[in-house]
Amino acid sequence: MLYVVEQVTHYQYESTVTSSINKCRMMPIQDFEQRCLSYELEVDPQTTVYHHQDYWHNPVQTFYIHVPHEELRIVTRSVVRLSRQVPTESMAWSFRESLALFGNRSFQGKYAEFLQTTAYTKLDQEAARQVSEPIWQQSRHPLAFVKELNRYIYQHFSYEAGTSTVHSTAQDLWDKRKGVCQDFTHFMLAICRYRGIPARYVSGYVYCGEDAAMRGDSATHAWVEVYIPGIGWVGFDPTNHKYAVNQHIRMAIGRDYLDIVPLKGVYEGGKQTLSVKVSIHLQQERG
């Protein structure tokens, strides 16, 4: 699948900004399942952009603006090819072998950062047990458990914009029973980690096409990747009750939202207003 993605991020300031420092994570990840064929970043006011990788190997662009400005406009354009397979239990280790690996101290050490509780994934232990125990008992395999957990979150929590903030936690979703993709993702991370399954936060884009029931193509999206022995990292989108396969374009991975904030910075000036517009087009490949 070949996609063309454009994101326009526009800040307007109440008073003149004299300088700012900004860090951007909007370039799609490169790996054997996702190829970023091209990437452009335009910044207005114009400035020099510096490129590096962060601790999680995500591509990062940093830029500094030292001229007075009343607005900041950032445009990114990407062409991305996806070639992922839907995983099956036959591709993975057996449940017994998987449980033995999850209990191995060397394995736990290797994936410790994706097993730990963070500020965003805090969840009452009784709530984690209440949700996970029935699903765990009826599952034949870790992959089956995560699939059913994905369905549970989709069915038991309402997607409602404006009901949470960028600081909301997994516990907040449990208490309110409603939130957005970031909240669904943090809750799923909390449950998987409670069961000893490494899980990581993914930010990116989702192509909805003509599927009016899907959520997420008007802005950046969030979902989960879990480590399944024998398969590797597998993506799940609890907001849409789907595998994150060939409609999901990854920009960054981390332990939670704090590790992958798409755009953050500091500036000297008045209050700001923000607008974000994302467009994703499926391209017909030649040949």
Protein backbone atom coordinates (compact mmCIF):
# COMPACT_ATOMS: atom_id res chain seq x y z
CA MET A 1 0.00 0.00 0.00
CA LEU A 2 1.36 3.41 -1.01
CA TYR A 3 0.24 6.57 0.79
CA VAL A 4 0.83 10.29 0.42
CA VAL A 5 0.45 12.14 3.73
CA GLU A 6 0.37 15.88 4.38
CA GLN A 7 0.06 17.54 7.77
CA VAL A 8 -0.33 21.27 8.28
CA THR A 9 0.29 22.51 11.82
CA HIS A 10 -0.48 26.17 12.40
CA TYR A 11 0.22 28.15 15.58
CA GLN A 12 -1.09 31.70 16.00
CA TYR A 13 0.09 33.84 18.90
CA GLU A 14 -1.69 36.50 20.92
CA SER A 15 1.43 38.66 20.90
CA THR A 16 4.71 38.61 19.03
CA VAL A 17 6.99 35.65 19.74
CA THR A 18 10.61 36.72 19.92
CA SER A 19 12.19 33.24 19.75
CA SER A 20 11.30 29.55 19.94
CA ILE A 21 12.89 26.11 20.04
CA ASN A 22 10.93 23.21 18.54
CA LYS A 23 11.26 19.43 18.30
CA CYS A 24 9.27 17.54 15.66
CA ARG A 25 8.51 13.79 15.34
CA MET A 26 6.51 13.63 12.11
CA MET A 27 8.81 11.71 9.79
CA PRO A 28 7.57 8.11 9.27
CA ILE A 29 9.73 5.31 10.70
CA GLN A 30 11.88 3.24 8.34
CA ASP A 31 11.92 -0.56 8.70
CA PHE A 32 11.36 -3.67 6.61
CA GLU A 33 7.55 -3.31 6.85
CA GLN A 34 7.37 0.45 6.32
CA ARG A 35 9.41 2.42 3.82
CA CYS A 36 9.46 6.21 3.85
CA LEU A 37 10.12 6.97 0.18
CA SER A 38 10.24 10.73 0.66
CA TYR A 39 9.80 13.31 3.40
CA GLU A 40 9.66 17.10 3.29
CA LEU A 41 9.44 19.57 6.16
CA GLU A 42 8.64 23.23 5.54
CA VAL A 43 8.78 25.81 8.33
CA ASP A 44 7.52 29.40 8.14
CA PRO A 45 9.34 31.56 9.26
CA GLN A 46 12.15 29.84 7.40
CA THR A 47 14.96 28.35 9.43
CA THR A 48 17.56 25.60 9.46
CA VAL A 49 16.31 22.12 10.40
CA TYR A 50 18.57 19.61 12.17
CA HIS A 51 17.99 15.85 12.01
CA HIS A 52 18.82 13.13 14.55
CA GLN A 53 17.39 9.97 16.16
CA ASP A 54 16.12 9.85 19.73
CA TYR A 55 16.68 7.10 22.32
CA TRP A 56 13.91 4.98 20.74
CA HIS A 57 15.44 5.39 17.24
CA ASN A 58 12.62 7.67 16.11
CA PRO A 59 13.55 10.29 13.49
CA VAL A 60 13.51 13.78 15.02
CA GLN A 61 13.83 17.25 13.49
CA THR A 62 14.82 20.24 15.61
CA PHE A 63 14.68 23.89 14.59
CA TYR A 64 15.20 27.29 16.24
CA ILE A 65 13.49 30.54 15.27
CA HIS A 66 15.16 33.76 16.44
CA VAL A 67 13.15 36.32 14.47
CA PRO A 68 9.95 37.95 15.80
CA HIS A 69 6.81 36.22 14.49
CA GLU A 70 3.04 36.16 15.10
CA GLU A 71 2.47 32.66 13.71
CA LEU A 72 4.32 29.43 13.04
CA ARG A 73 3.35 27.17 10.16
CA ILE A 74 4.80 23.66 9.76
CA VAL A 75 4.00 21.51 6.74
CA THR A 76 5.17 17.90 6.40
CA ARG A 77 4.71 15.72 3.31
CA SER A 78 5.53 12.02 3.20
CA VAL A 79 5.26 9.16 0.73
CA VAL A 80 5.13 5.83 2.54
CA ARG A 81 4.86 2.19 1.44
CA LEU A 82 3.43 -0.40 3.86
CA SER A 83 3.78 -4.17 3.50
CA ARG A 84 2.61 -5.84 6.72
CA GLN A 85 0.92 -9.20 7.21
CA VAL A 86 -1.96 -9.94 9.56
CA PRO A 87 -0.42 -12.25 12.20
CA THR A 88 -1.86 -15.64 13.11
CA GLU A 89 -1.35 -17.91 16.10
CA SER A 90 0.33 -20.48 13.85
CA MET A 91 3.18 -17.98 13.35
CA ALA A 92 3.82 -17.69 17.10
CA TRP A 93 5.20 -19.83 19.87
CA SER A 94 2.79 -21.94 21.90
CA PHE A 95 1.04 -20.47 24.92
CA ARG A 96 3.21 -22.55 27.26
CA GLU A 97 6.43 -21.47 25.55
CA SER A 98 5.29 -17.84 25.51
CA LEU A 99 4.47 -17.84 29.22
CA ALA A 100 7.86 -19.36 29.99
CA LEU A 101 9.54 -16.57 28.01
CA PHE A 102 7.49 -13.82 29.68
CA GLY A 103 8.62 -15.20 33.05
CA ASN A 104 12.30 -15.30 32.05
CA ARG A 105 14.35 -12.68 33.91
CA SER A 106 16.63 -12.06 30.94
CA PHE A 107 13.60 -11.39 28.71
CA GLN A 108 12.09 -9.10 31.34
CA GLY A 109 15.33 -7.18 31.53
CA LYS A 110 15.55 -6.79 27.77
CA TYR A 111 12.01 -5.39 27.52
CA ALA A 112 11.89 -3.71 30.94
CA GLU A 113 11.07 -0.29 29.50
CA PHE A 114 7.94 -1.68 27.83
CA LEU A 115 6.86 -3.57 30.95
CA GLN A 116 7.07 -0.76 33.47
CA THR A 117 4.24 1.43 34.71
CA THR A 118 4.58 5.08 33.70
CA ALA A 119 2.71 8.19 34.79
CA TYR A 120 0.31 7.75 31.85
CA THR A 121 -0.26 4.00 32.32
CA LYS A 122 -1.05 4.09 36.03
CA LEU A 123 -4.08 1.89 36.75
CA ASP A 124 -5.50 0.46 39.94
CA GLN A 125 -4.39 -3.17 40.27
CA GLU A 126 -7.91 -4.34 41.03
CA ALA A 127 -9.19 -2.69 37.84
CA ALA A 128 -6.39 -4.37 35.84
CA ARG A 129 -7.26 -7.74 37.37
CA GLN A 130 -11.01 -7.24 36.83
CA VAL A 131 -10.54 -6.52 33.14
CA SER A 132 -7.78 -8.97 32.31
CA GLU A 133 -8.55 -12.09 34.36
CA PRO A 134 -11.66 -13.32 32.46
CA ILE A 135 -9.97 -12.66 29.12
CA TRP A 136 -6.74 -14.34 30.23
CA GLN A 137 -8.55 -17.44 31.45
CA GLN A 138 -10.40 -17.99 28.19
CA SER A 139 -7.44 -17.22 25.90
CA ARG A 140 -5.48 -20.01 24.22
CA HIS A 141 -2.55 -17.76 23.38
CA PRO A 142 -1.10 -14.29 24.16
CA LEU A 143 -2.14 -13.17 20.68
CA ALA A 144 -5.71 -14.29 21.40
CA PHE A 145 -5.60 -12.43 24.72
CA VAL A 146 -4.52 -9.16 23.12
CA LYS A 147 -7.08 -9.51 20.32
CA GLU A 148 -9.85 -9.95 22.88
CA LEU A 149 -8.53 -7.08 24.99
CA ASN A 150 -8.56 -4.89 21.88
CA ARG A 151 -12.24 -5.78 21.37
CA TYR A 152 -13.07 -5.24 25.06
CA ILE A 153 -11.69 -1.68 25.08
CA TYR A 154 -13.50 -0.81 21.86
CA GLN A 155 -16.82 -2.08 23.21
CA HIS A 156 -16.65 -0.89 26.82
CA PHE A 157 -15.35 2.67 26.40
CA SER A 158 -16.89 5.53 24.43
CA TYR A 159 -14.86 7.60 22.01
CA GLU A 160 -15.68 11.24 22.83
CA ALA A 161 -13.45 14.14 21.89
CA GLY A 162 -13.06 16.76 24.60
CA THR A 163 -13.63 14.36 27.51
CA SER A 164 -9.94 14.07 28.37
CA THR A 165 -6.76 16.12 28.20
CA VAL A 166 -3.22 15.51 27.01
CA HIS A 167 -2.40 14.66 30.64
CA SER A 168 -5.15 12.01 31.15
CA THR A 169 -4.10 8.56 32.37
CA ALA A 170 -5.29 4.97 32.02
CA GLN A 171 -7.00 5.38 35.39
CA ASP A 172 -8.91 8.41 34.09
CA LEU A 173 -10.33 6.35 31.22
CA TRP A 174 -11.37 3.61 33.65
CA ASP A 175 -13.10 6.14 35.90
CA LYS A 176 -14.88 8.06 33.13
CA ARG A 177 -15.42 5.21 30.64
CA LYS A 178 -14.80 7.64 27.77
CA GLY A 179 -11.85 9.27 26.06
CA VAL A 180 -9.87 9.41 22.80
CA CYS A 181 -7.24 7.30 21.06
CA GLN A 182 -4.45 8.37 23.42
CA ASP A 183 -6.53 7.23 26.41
CA PHE A 184 -7.51 3.90 24.82
CA THR A 185 -3.84 3.27 24.04
CA HIS A 186 -2.60 4.02 27.56
CA PHE A 187 -5.27 1.75 29.04
CA MET A 188 -4.32 -1.13 26.74
CA LEU A 189 -0.65 -0.64 27.59
CA ALA A 190 -1.49 -0.83 31.29
CA ILE A 191 -3.38 -4.14 30.95
CA CYS A 192 -0.78 -5.81 28.70
CA ARG A 193 2.07 -4.82 31.02
CA TYR A 194 0.07 -6.02 34.03
CA ARG A 195 0.03 -9.44 32.36
CA GLY A 196 3.76 -9.35 31.63
CA ILE A 197 3.40 -8.70 27.88
CA PRO A 198 5.77 -6.01 26.56
CA ALA A 199 3.75 -3.22 24.99
CA ARG A 200 4.69 0.13 23.48
CA TYR A 201 2.92 3.32 22.44
CA VAL A 202 2.79 4.17 18.72
CA SER A 203 1.93 7.52 17.16
CA GLY A 204 1.20 8.05 13.51
CA TYR A 205 -1.55 8.28 10.95
CA VAL A 206 -4.43 5.99 10.06
CA TYR A 207 -6.05 5.88 6.61
CA CYS A 208 -9.81 5.55 6.94
CA GLY A 209 -10.75 5.75 3.26
CA GLU A 210 -14.50 5.29 2.81
CA ASP A 211 -14.92 3.62 6.21
CA ALA A 212 -16.98 6.22 8.08
CA ALA A 213 -16.85 4.12 11.28
CA MET A 214 -13.08 4.49 11.66
CA ARG A 215 -11.63 7.32 13.73
CA GLY A 216 -8.33 9.10 13.41
CA ASP A 217 -7.63 10.34 9.88
CA SER A 218 -8.21 14.03 10.62
CA ALA A 219 -5.22 14.27 12.99
CA THR A 220 -2.39 12.16 14.35
CA HIS A 221 -3.50 8.82 15.82
CA ALA A 222 -2.27 6.47 18.56
CA TRP A 223 -2.28 2.70 18.99
CA VAL A 224 -0.39 -0.18 20.66
CA GLU A 225 2.29 -2.65 19.62
CA VAL A 226 2.76 -5.79 21.73
CA TYR A 227 5.58 -8.30 21.62
CA ILE A 228 4.35 -11.79 20.66
CA PRO A 229 7.05 -14.52 20.86
CA GLY A 230 7.71 -16.00 17.44
CA ILE A 231 6.15 -13.05 15.61
CA GLY A 232 7.66 -9.92 17.12
CA TRP A 233 5.89 -6.58 17.50
CA VAL A 234 2.21 -6.67 16.48
CA GLY A 235 0.06 -3.55 16.18
CA PHE A 236 -3.45 -3.22 17.62
CA ASP A 237 -5.78 -0.22 17.34
CA PRO A 238 -8.28 -0.33 20.25
CA THR A 239 -9.95 2.88 19.07
CA ASN A 240 -11.07 1.12 15.88
CA HIS A 241 -10.97 -2.57 16.96
CA LYS A 242 -8.48 -3.43 14.23
CA TYR A 243 -5.02 -4.80 13.69
CA ALA A 244 -2.66 -1.93 12.88
CA VAL A 245 -1.50 -3.33 9.57
CA ASN A 246 -1.67 -1.61 6.18
CA GLN A 247 -3.77 1.42 7.14
CA HIS A 248 -1.51 2.57 9.98
CA ILE A 249 1.58 4.70 9.27
CA ARG A 250 4.02 4.84 12.21
CA MET A 251 5.88 8.04 13.11
CA ALA A 252 7.27 7.22 16.55
CA ILE A 253 7.29 4.61 19.32
CA GLY A 254 7.91 4.89 23.05
CA ARG A 255 6.70 3.91 26.50
CA ASP A 256 3.78 6.36 26.44
CA TYR A 257 2.69 9.69 24.96
CA LEU A 258 5.45 11.62 26.69
CA ASP A 259 8.11 9.80 24.63
CA ILE A 260 6.55 10.52 21.24
CA VAL A 261 4.96 13.99 21.38
CA PRO A 262 4.69 14.91 17.65
CA LEU A 263 5.62 18.55 18.17
CA LYS A 264 6.80 20.31 21.30
CA GLY A 265 8.90 23.29 22.18
CA VAL A 266 9.28 26.45 24.19
CA TYR A 267 8.81 30.05 23.12
CA GLU A 268 8.81 33.62 24.45
CA GLY A 269 5.51 35.33 23.80
CA GLY A 270 1.75 35.36 24.42
CA LYS A 271 -0.88 32.64 24.40
CA GLN A 272 -1.26 30.43 21.34
CA THR A 273 -4.02 28.81 19.31
CA LEU A 274 -3.35 25.63 17.36
CA SER A 275 -4.94 24.07 14.30
CA VAL A 276 -3.89 20.76 12.72
CA LYS A 277 -5.04 19.36 9.39
CA VAL A 278 -4.04 15.93 8.08
CA SER A 279 -4.76 14.53 4.63
CA ILE A 280 -3.94 10.95 3.58
CA HIS A 281 -4.31 9.64 0.03
CA LEU A 282 -3.96 6.06 -1.17
CA GLN A 283 -1.92 5.97 -4.36
CA GLN A 284 -2.16 3.45 -7.16
CA GLU A 285 1.22 1.77 -7.56
CA ARG A 286 2.58 1.26 -11.05
CA GLY A 287 3.92 -1.92 -12.46
